[in-house]
Every structure is written in C-alpha cells, then in structure tokens.
Amino acid sequence: MRQINVRVDDAQYAEIEARAAAAGMSVPDYVRQVVADEANDLRHRFLSAAAYFGAEWGEHFAERFGHPANASSPAGRGRGHLVDEQGAAA
C-alpha cells in the first residue's frame, strides 16, 4: 500500500477533524475516503447528477415547498428556511 503525506494548516486540520468526527471516522480514514471518492470520480458524478436533478425538478419543488430564503446569499444557503412566492416565511 502506498502512503501520501499532505501538509495542512491548523484551520484546515480543524475543519477536516470536525468533518471526520461528524462522519464517525478517524481523520486518516476520513481523508482516505475523501481522496478515494475524488480519485474514482464519485464526487463529480454526484454533483453532476444533483445539478441535473435540480434543473429538471427544481421548479416542481419550489411550487410545492417554496423557494429557499436568501438563495443568493451565502449566509442563507443550506439553512432550510423557505419562503413563499411573495417572500414571506413558509
């Protein structure tokens, strides 16, 4: 088995460590999985499929569940807040 050494700064390591903990993995196992996923193109395929799904079904979701609040604002992304078509909280 081959070994790769990578240097990261303290902030990067803290983020990696937090993500590994959230995944229930050790840092080496988490990094190994991330690198393997990138190497086998899993991440790219997932993002491509998600973009396709969003393009095909996004408006249907918006009609049914509302539009994401502040979708163009980084602070509003991923927060799960929805607004109706008039901009009121849904």
Protein backbone atom coordinates (compact mmCIF):
# COMPACT_ATOMS: atom_id res chain seq x y z
CA MET A 1 0.00 0.00 0.00
CA ARG A 2 1.26 3.50 -0.88
CA GLN A 3 1.45 6.40 1.54
CA ILE A 4 0.83 10.10 0.79
CA ASN A 5 1.84 12.88 3.19
CA VAL A 6 -0.07 16.15 2.98
CA ARG A 7 0.59 19.34 4.92
CA VAL A 8 -2.39 21.45 6.02
CA ASP A 9 -2.59 24.49 8.25
CA ASP A 10 -4.26 24.39 11.67
CA ALA A 11 -7.57 25.77 10.42
CA GLN A 12 -7.76 23.20 7.62
CA TYR A 13 -6.93 20.40 10.03
CA ALA A 14 -9.61 21.56 12.46
CA GLU A 15 -12.20 21.51 9.66
CA ILE A 16 -11.09 18.06 8.50
CA GLU A 17 -11.14 16.80 12.08
CA ALA A 18 -14.68 18.16 12.60
CA ARG A 19 -15.93 16.57 9.39
CA ALA A 20 -14.33 13.26 10.28
CA ALA A 21 -15.95 13.33 13.71
CA ALA A 22 -19.34 14.16 12.18
CA ALA A 23 -18.93 11.16 9.88
CA GLY A 24 -17.93 8.95 12.82
CA MET A 25 -14.49 8.38 11.32
CA SER A 26 -10.89 8.92 12.30
CA VAL A 27 -9.04 11.68 10.46
CA PRO A 28 -6.88 9.23 8.44
CA ASP A 29 -9.93 7.15 7.47
CA TYR A 30 -11.91 10.26 6.54
CA VAL A 31 -9.10 11.69 4.40
CA ARG A 32 -8.56 8.29 2.76
CA GLN A 33 -12.28 8.17 1.87
CA VAL A 34 -12.34 11.74 0.51
CA VAL A 35 -9.29 11.09 -1.66
CA ALA A 36 -10.70 7.76 -2.87
CA ASP A 37 -14.04 9.39 -3.74
CA GLU A 38 -12.26 12.11 -5.69
CA ALA A 39 -10.00 9.60 -7.43
CA ASN A 40 -12.89 7.43 -8.59
CA ASP A 41 -14.88 10.48 -9.72
CA LEU A 42 -17.70 9.82 -7.23
CA ARG A 43 -17.92 13.48 -6.15
CA HIS A 44 -18.06 14.75 -9.73
CA ARG A 45 -20.74 12.22 -10.69
CA PHE A 46 -22.81 13.13 -7.62
CA LEU A 47 -22.59 16.87 -8.31
CA SER A 48 -23.46 16.34 -11.98
CA ALA A 49 -26.46 14.23 -11.05
CA ALA A 50 -27.58 16.77 -8.43
CA ALA A 51 -27.31 19.61 -10.97
CA TYR A 52 -29.35 17.61 -13.49
CA PHE A 53 -31.97 16.75 -10.87
CA GLY A 54 -32.19 20.39 -9.78
CA ALA A 55 -32.59 21.59 -13.36
CA GLU A 56 -35.30 19.01 -14.07
CA TRP A 57 -37.24 19.15 -10.80
CA GLY A 58 -36.29 22.45 -9.13
CA GLU A 59 -39.41 24.33 -10.16
CA HIS A 60 -41.65 21.46 -9.04
CA PHE A 61 -40.03 21.55 -5.60
CA ALA A 62 -40.34 25.34 -5.48
CA GLU A 63 -44.06 25.13 -6.35
CA ARG A 64 -44.66 22.51 -3.68
CA PHE A 65 -42.30 23.58 -0.90
CA GLY A 66 -41.44 27.21 -1.62
CA HIS A 67 -38.20 28.87 -2.61
CA PRO A 68 -35.08 28.79 -0.40
CA ALA A 69 -34.74 32.05 1.54
CA ASN A 70 -31.79 34.20 0.54
CA ALA A 71 -30.64 31.63 -2.01
CA SER A 72 -28.21 34.12 -3.49
CA SER A 73 -26.74 34.96 -0.08
CA PRO A 74 -24.03 32.66 1.32
CA ALA A 75 -25.46 33.21 4.81
CA GLY A 76 -28.84 31.88 3.70
CA ARG A 77 -27.61 28.78 1.92
CA GLY A 78 -28.23 25.42 3.47
CA ARG A 79 -30.30 26.82 6.30
CA GLY A 80 -33.54 25.10 5.29
CA HIS A 81 -35.63 28.27 5.51
CA LEU A 82 -38.31 28.50 2.87
CA VAL A 83 -40.25 31.49 1.59
CA ASP A 84 -43.41 31.62 -0.48
CA GLU A 85 -43.59 33.43 -3.81
CA GLN A 86 -44.25 36.78 -2.04
CA GLY A 87 -41.12 36.33 0.08
CA ALA A 88 -42.91 35.53 3.34
CA ALA A 89 -41.59 32.72 5.53
CA ALA A 90 -43.23 29.44 4.64
